[in-house]
Protein backbone atom coordinates (compact mmCIF):
# COMPACT_ATOMS: atom_id res chain seq x y z
CA UNK A 1 42.26 95.52 85.20
CA UNK A 2 44.15 92.80 87.19
CA UNK A 3 47.05 93.85 86.32
CA UNK A 4 46.60 96.99 87.75
CA UNK A 5 45.01 95.71 90.78
CA UNK A 6 48.49 93.68 91.41
CA UNK A 7 50.33 96.14 89.97
CA UNK A 8 48.86 98.79 92.68
CA UNK A 9 49.21 96.31 95.82
CA UNK A 10 53.13 95.48 95.12
CA UNK A 11 53.61 98.93 94.77
CA UNK A 12 51.86 99.81 97.91
CA UNK A 13 53.01 96.58 100.16
CA UNK A 14 57.14 98.05 99.76
CA UNK A 15 55.93 100.82 102.35
CA UNK A 16 55.14 102.90 100.10
CA UNK A 17 51.56 104.49 102.28
CA UNK A 18 47.95 102.49 102.71
CA UNK A 19 45.73 103.23 99.58
CA UNK A 20 42.67 105.15 100.59
CA UNK A 21 40.06 104.92 98.27
CA UNK A 22 37.91 107.87 98.13
CA UNK A 23 35.61 108.18 95.23
CA UNK A 24 35.46 106.33 92.31
CA UNK A 25 37.81 106.78 89.01
CA UNK A 26 37.04 106.04 85.99
CA UNK A 27 37.96 104.70 82.72
CA UNK A 28 41.50 106.19 81.48
CA UNK A 29 40.36 106.41 77.56
CA UNK A 30 36.64 107.17 78.21
CA UNK A 31 36.18 111.53 77.37
CA UNK A 32 33.01 111.48 80.15
CA UNK A 33 35.93 111.15 83.06
CA UNK A 34 38.30 113.53 81.65
CA UNK A 35 37.59 115.71 84.58
CA UNK A 36 37.78 113.31 87.30
CA UNK A 37 41.45 112.14 85.61
CA UNK A 38 42.44 115.62 85.71
CA UNK A 39 42.08 116.20 89.45
CA UNK A 40 44.01 112.86 89.77
CA UNK A 41 46.50 113.53 87.60
CA UNK A 42 46.51 117.60 89.50
CA UNK A 43 47.59 115.85 92.85
CA UNK A 44 48.52 112.91 91.89
CA UNK A 45 50.29 111.87 88.51
CA UNK A 46 52.01 115.40 88.30
CA UNK A 47 55.68 115.59 85.73
CA UNK A 48 57.20 114.54 88.92
CA UNK A 49 55.65 111.81 89.89
CA UNK A 50 55.79 110.34 86.39
CA UNK A 51 59.20 111.34 85.91
CA UNK A 52 60.29 108.55 89.22
CA UNK A 53 61.75 112.18 90.93
CA UNK A 54 59.00 112.39 93.88
CA UNK A 55 55.96 112.15 95.38
CA UNK A 56 53.40 114.70 95.75
CA UNK A 57 50.88 114.11 98.86
CA UNK A 58 52.31 110.56 99.47
CA UNK A 59 56.16 109.20 99.04
CA UNK A 60 55.83 108.20 95.02
CA UNK A 61 54.93 104.75 95.14
CA UNK A 62 51.26 105.81 97.00
CA UNK A 63 50.39 109.02 94.25
CA UNK A 64 50.98 106.03 91.35
CA UNK A 65 48.93 103.26 93.78
CA UNK A 66 46.52 106.32 94.45
CA UNK A 67 46.39 106.84 90.33
CA UNK A 68 45.99 103.06 89.96
CA UNK A 69 42.90 102.56 92.41
CA UNK A 70 41.21 105.35 90.26
CA UNK A 71 42.07 105.48 87.17
CA UNK A 72 43.23 100.93 86.97
CA UNK A 73 43.69 101.41 82.83
CA UNK A 74 46.16 104.89 83.24
CA UNK A 75 48.37 103.44 80.76
CA UNK A 76 51.33 106.18 81.56
CA UNK A 77 51.04 105.03 85.49
CA UNK A 78 50.71 101.46 84.87
CA UNK A 79 54.26 102.33 82.87
CA UNK A 80 55.77 104.11 85.64
CA UNK A 81 54.47 101.73 88.64
CA UNK A 82 56.24 98.88 86.02
CA UNK A 83 59.67 100.77 86.11
CA UNK A 84 59.15 101.87 89.73
CA UNK A 85 58.90 98.24 90.69
CA UNK A 86 62.21 97.20 88.51
CA UNK A 87 64.31 100.63 90.20
CA UNK A 88 62.65 99.12 93.19
CA UNK A 89 64.52 95.75 92.92
CA UNK A 90 67.67 96.73 91.67
CA UNK A 91 67.75 99.00 95.38
CA UNK A 92 67.12 95.71 96.75
CA UNK A 93 70.14 94.11 95.02
CA UNK A 94 72.59 96.83 95.93
CA UNK A 95 72.05 99.24 92.90
CA UNK A 96 71.13 102.53 93.81
CA UNK A 97 69.89 103.46 90.93
CA UNK A 98 68.95 102.00 87.05
CA UNK A 99 71.62 104.49 85.67
CA UNK A 100 74.69 103.34 87.76
CA UNK A 101 73.67 99.56 85.80
CA UNK A 102 74.35 101.58 82.55
CA UNK A 103 77.45 103.30 83.86
CA UNK A 104 79.46 100.36 84.87
CA UNK A 105 78.38 99.07 81.23
CA UNK A 106 80.01 101.83 79.42
CA UNK A 107 82.82 102.58 81.93
CA UNK A 108 83.48 98.75 81.56
C-alpha cells in the first residue's frame, strides 16, 4: 500500500496533473469491488494506458495515478507505473525512449 502511494505521488509530481479523489475505490483482488474496478479501468486504465501509448482522461501519468489512488494494489497499474517511471528517467537522461537503448546495443 505504501509503495502504491509513493508511486502515485512520484507519477503526479512529474507534471502529470493532480489526482482527484472522487469516490473510494477498493481492493484489486476482491471480487465484490469488480464493478468499481471495471469503471476505473474503462475510463483510466485502458489498453492505451497499459501500453504507455497515451492517456485517456488526462495525461498518461494522471490516468495511472488515478487508477492507483482508487485501487492501490492494482497489480498491472503498479507495473506500468514503474515502467513509466523508468521511461521518464531515461528521457530526462537524454534518451528518447527505452527502445533506443536496445537499438543502440544491437547496432554496436
